[in-house]
N, C-alpha and C. Protein backbone atom coordinates (compact mmCIF):
# COMPACT_ATOMS: atom_id res chain seq x y z
N MET A 1 229.64 138.85 235.86
CA MET A 1 228.43 138.25 235.36
C MET A 1 227.59 137.86 236.52
N ARG A 2 226.39 138.19 236.42
CA ARG A 2 225.37 137.85 237.45
C ARG A 2 224.58 136.61 236.94
N ASN A 3 224.73 135.53 237.63
CA ASN A 3 223.97 134.29 237.22
C ASN A 3 222.50 134.50 237.42
N LEU A 4 221.73 134.07 236.51
CA LEU A 4 220.34 134.23 236.53
C LEU A 4 219.63 133.13 236.01
N GLU A 5 218.66 132.53 236.62
CA GLU A 5 217.90 131.36 236.15
C GLU A 5 216.52 131.44 236.87
N LEU A 6 215.57 132.03 236.18
CA LEU A 6 214.22 132.08 236.75
C LEU A 6 213.36 131.25 235.83
N LYS A 7 212.52 130.48 236.45
CA LYS A 7 211.56 129.53 235.79
C LYS A 7 210.22 129.61 236.49
N ASN A 8 209.23 129.83 235.68
CA ASN A 8 207.86 129.77 236.34
C ASN A 8 206.96 129.19 235.33
N VAL A 9 205.92 128.44 235.83
CA VAL A 9 204.88 127.92 235.10
C VAL A 9 203.65 128.85 235.26
N LEU A 10 203.09 129.24 234.02
CA LEU A 10 202.09 130.21 234.14
C LEU A 10 200.85 129.68 233.40
N LYS A 11 199.67 129.83 234.12
CA LYS A 11 198.45 129.42 233.50
C LYS A 11 197.66 130.61 232.92
N VAL A 12 197.26 130.54 231.60
CA VAL A 12 196.43 131.53 230.97
C VAL A 12 195.36 130.76 230.40
N ASP A 13 194.11 131.17 230.82
CA ASP A 13 192.86 130.48 230.41
C ASP A 13 193.09 128.94 230.61
N ASP A 14 193.04 128.13 229.61
CA ASP A 14 193.15 126.73 229.81
C ASP A 14 194.52 126.21 229.33
N LYS A 15 195.54 127.11 229.14
CA LYS A 15 196.84 126.71 228.76
C LYS A 15 197.88 126.90 229.81
N GLU A 16 199.05 126.27 229.65
CA GLU A 16 200.12 126.40 230.56
C GLU A 16 201.37 126.72 229.76
N PHE A 17 202.20 127.59 230.37
CA PHE A 17 203.44 128.10 229.71
C PHE A 17 204.62 128.10 230.70
N LEU A 18 205.72 127.75 230.16
CA LEU A 18 206.96 127.97 230.91
C LEU A 18 207.56 129.27 230.59
N VAL A 19 207.85 130.09 231.61
CA VAL A 19 208.52 131.37 231.44
C VAL A 19 209.87 131.19 231.96
N SER A 20 210.96 131.39 231.10
CA SER A 20 212.32 131.07 231.48
C SER A 20 213.14 132.29 231.21
N THR A 21 213.92 132.74 232.23
CA THR A 21 214.86 133.83 232.02
C THR A 21 216.21 133.34 232.58
N ILE A 22 217.30 133.46 231.70
CA ILE A 22 218.59 132.90 232.05
C ILE A 22 219.64 133.89 231.59
N SER A 23 220.88 133.74 232.23
CA SER A 23 221.97 134.42 231.81
C SER A 23 222.82 133.47 230.95
N MET A 24 223.51 134.00 229.96
CA MET A 24 224.40 133.12 229.08
C MET A 24 225.47 133.93 228.45
N LYS A 25 226.62 133.28 228.26
CA LYS A 25 227.72 133.83 227.54
C LYS A 25 227.44 133.78 225.98
N ILE A 26 227.97 134.75 225.38
CA ILE A 26 228.03 134.85 223.93
C ILE A 26 229.34 134.20 223.47
N ARG A 27 229.22 133.39 222.48
CA ARG A 27 230.56 132.81 222.01
C ARG A 27 230.70 133.02 220.50
N HIS A 28 230.82 134.19 220.14
CA HIS A 28 231.07 134.52 218.79
C HIS A 28 232.56 135.03 218.65
N ALA A 29 233.36 134.28 218.02
CA ALA A 29 234.82 134.59 217.93
C ALA A 29 235.10 135.75 217.12
N PHE A 30 234.21 136.15 216.30
CA PHE A 30 234.55 137.32 215.31
C PHE A 30 234.41 138.68 216.02
N PHE A 31 233.94 138.81 217.21
CA PHE A 31 233.89 140.12 217.86
C PHE A 31 234.86 140.13 219.09
N ASP A 32 235.71 141.25 219.15
CA ASP A 32 236.56 141.29 220.29
C ASP A 32 235.80 141.45 221.57
N GLY A 33 236.27 140.68 222.52
CA GLY A 33 235.67 140.80 223.86
C GLY A 33 234.44 139.94 224.12
N ASP A 34 234.09 139.14 223.14
CA ASP A 34 232.82 138.33 223.28
C ASP A 34 233.00 137.19 224.26
N ASP A 35 234.33 136.83 224.58
CA ASP A 35 234.48 135.83 225.59
C ASP A 35 234.00 136.14 226.97
N ASP A 36 233.89 137.51 227.24
CA ASP A 36 233.35 137.96 228.42
C ASP A 36 231.96 138.56 228.41
N LYS A 37 231.36 138.59 227.21
CA LYS A 37 230.00 139.15 227.01
C LYS A 37 228.99 138.26 227.55
N VAL A 38 228.11 138.74 228.34
CA VAL A 38 226.93 138.06 228.78
C VAL A 38 225.63 138.72 228.42
N VAL A 39 224.72 137.93 228.03
CA VAL A 39 223.36 138.53 227.75
C VAL A 39 222.37 137.72 228.62
N TYR A 40 221.22 138.30 228.70
CA TYR A 40 220.17 137.71 229.51
C TYR A 40 218.95 137.43 228.66
N GLU A 41 218.36 136.32 228.70
CA GLU A 41 217.32 136.07 227.74
C GLU A 41 216.04 135.49 228.44
N THR A 42 214.92 135.91 227.93
CA THR A 42 213.67 135.43 228.37
C THR A 42 212.98 134.67 227.24
N MET A 43 212.46 133.53 227.53
CA MET A 43 211.76 132.75 226.58
C MET A 43 210.48 132.20 227.19
N VAL A 44 209.41 132.08 226.31
CA VAL A 44 208.20 131.50 226.84
C VAL A 44 207.87 130.27 225.83
N PHE A 45 207.50 129.20 226.41
CA PHE A 45 207.19 127.95 225.70
C PHE A 45 205.81 127.44 226.26
N GLU A 46 205.08 126.91 225.36
CA GLU A 46 203.77 126.23 225.78
C GLU A 46 204.09 124.87 226.35
N ILE A 47 203.25 124.52 227.34
CA ILE A 47 203.35 123.20 227.97
C ILE A 47 202.10 122.44 227.52
N ILE A 48 202.30 121.29 226.83
CA ILE A 48 201.12 120.52 226.30
C ILE A 48 201.39 119.12 226.83
N ASP A 49 200.34 118.54 227.60
CA ASP A 49 200.37 117.31 228.19
C ASP A 49 201.58 117.13 229.05
N ASP A 50 201.97 118.09 229.78
CA ASP A 50 203.07 118.08 230.71
C ASP A 50 204.46 118.12 230.10
N GLU A 51 204.46 118.37 228.73
CA GLU A 51 205.68 118.43 228.03
C GLU A 51 205.99 119.78 227.51
N VAL A 52 207.12 120.35 227.86
CA VAL A 52 207.50 121.70 227.42
C VAL A 52 207.78 121.71 225.95
N GLN A 53 207.15 122.48 225.15
CA GLN A 53 207.42 122.57 223.64
C GLN A 53 208.53 123.40 223.31
N TYR A 54 209.80 122.99 223.70
CA TYR A 54 210.95 123.78 223.51
C TYR A 54 211.25 124.14 221.98
N HIS A 55 210.73 123.30 221.13
CA HIS A 55 210.96 123.53 219.74
C HIS A 55 210.05 124.66 219.12
N LYS A 56 209.13 125.14 219.93
CA LYS A 56 208.20 126.23 219.49
C LYS A 56 208.22 127.35 220.41
N THR A 57 209.07 128.28 220.29
CA THR A 57 209.18 129.51 221.19
C THR A 57 207.99 130.43 220.94
N ILE A 58 207.33 130.88 221.98
CA ILE A 58 206.26 131.82 221.80
C ILE A 58 206.73 133.14 222.03
N PHE A 59 207.64 133.41 222.83
CA PHE A 59 208.20 134.70 223.11
C PHE A 59 209.67 134.60 223.34
N ASN A 60 210.53 135.54 222.82
CA ASN A 60 211.97 135.40 222.97
C ASN A 60 212.48 136.89 223.01
N GLU A 61 213.18 137.23 224.08
CA GLU A 61 213.86 138.63 224.12
C GLU A 61 215.16 138.56 224.84
N ARG A 62 216.06 139.32 224.35
CA ARG A 62 217.41 139.41 225.03
C ARG A 62 217.60 140.75 225.60
N TYR A 63 218.36 140.77 226.65
CA TYR A 63 218.55 142.00 227.50
C TYR A 63 220.06 142.20 227.74
N ASN A 64 220.56 143.43 228.03
CA ASN A 64 221.93 143.72 228.29
C ASN A 64 222.19 143.54 229.80
N THR A 65 221.16 143.78 230.59
CA THR A 65 221.43 143.75 232.11
C THR A 65 220.38 142.81 232.79
N PRO A 66 220.83 142.16 233.92
CA PRO A 66 220.02 141.36 234.53
C PRO A 66 218.68 142.04 235.06
N ASP A 67 218.90 143.28 235.45
CA ASP A 67 217.70 144.01 235.97
C ASP A 67 216.56 144.12 234.94
N GLU A 68 217.04 144.40 233.62
CA GLU A 68 216.04 144.48 232.56
C GLU A 68 215.34 143.14 232.47
N ALA A 69 216.12 142.04 232.50
CA ALA A 69 215.54 140.75 232.38
C ALA A 69 214.58 140.37 233.41
N ILE A 70 214.94 140.65 234.60
CA ILE A 70 214.16 140.29 235.81
C ILE A 70 212.85 141.16 235.72
N ALA A 71 212.89 142.35 235.35
CA ALA A 71 211.72 143.25 235.30
C ALA A 71 210.76 142.65 234.29
N GLU A 72 211.32 142.29 233.08
CA GLU A 72 210.31 141.82 232.05
C GLU A 72 209.75 140.50 232.35
N HIS A 73 210.55 139.65 232.95
CA HIS A 73 210.07 138.27 233.35
C HIS A 73 208.98 138.57 234.30
N GLY A 74 208.98 139.37 235.28
CA GLY A 74 207.93 139.73 236.25
C GLY A 74 206.76 140.39 235.54
N ALA A 75 206.98 141.27 234.50
CA ALA A 75 205.88 141.81 233.71
C ALA A 75 205.12 140.72 232.92
N ILE A 76 205.84 139.83 232.47
CA ILE A 76 205.16 138.72 231.71
C ILE A 76 204.30 137.92 232.61
N LEU A 77 204.70 137.72 233.87
CA LEU A 77 203.90 136.91 234.79
C LEU A 77 202.70 137.64 235.19
N LYS A 78 202.77 139.01 235.28
CA LYS A 78 201.62 139.81 235.72
C LYS A 78 200.63 140.00 234.58
N ASN A 79 201.13 140.14 233.27
CA ASN A 79 200.21 140.47 232.25
C ASN A 79 200.68 139.72 230.98
N PRO A 80 200.56 138.38 230.90
CA PRO A 80 201.13 137.62 229.81
C PRO A 80 200.58 138.01 228.47
N LYS A 81 199.24 138.42 228.39
CA LYS A 81 198.61 138.65 227.10
C LYS A 81 199.23 139.95 226.54
N ALA A 82 199.96 140.75 227.23
CA ALA A 82 200.63 141.99 226.63
C ALA A 82 201.83 141.50 225.92
N PHE A 83 202.34 140.26 226.16
CA PHE A 83 203.66 139.86 225.51
C PHE A 83 203.44 138.80 224.45
N PHE A 84 202.44 138.00 224.63
CA PHE A 84 202.20 136.92 223.72
C PHE A 84 200.69 136.55 223.70
N ILE A 85 200.25 136.05 222.60
CA ILE A 85 198.90 135.62 222.42
C ILE A 85 198.73 134.28 222.98
N ALA A 86 197.98 134.04 223.99
CA ALA A 86 197.68 132.69 224.54
C ALA A 86 196.56 132.13 223.77
């Protein structure tokens, strides 16, 4: 497993967003081998009055490899409007 924890604050027009990409283990007991399964996930949350709105995900995607997750994290930072409507 490759540990991954990327966090960036992104400004789009007059709004701020947290772009977060992490690695995490899957814990579903009903699939063989899930104890060792790792997925990578990118999520985007709006920041309002310096508070991250964790309860309202704007973008969410999972990946099978860290390279996929890192690439999309970078793509979101470069062109956020292609991934979510600000």
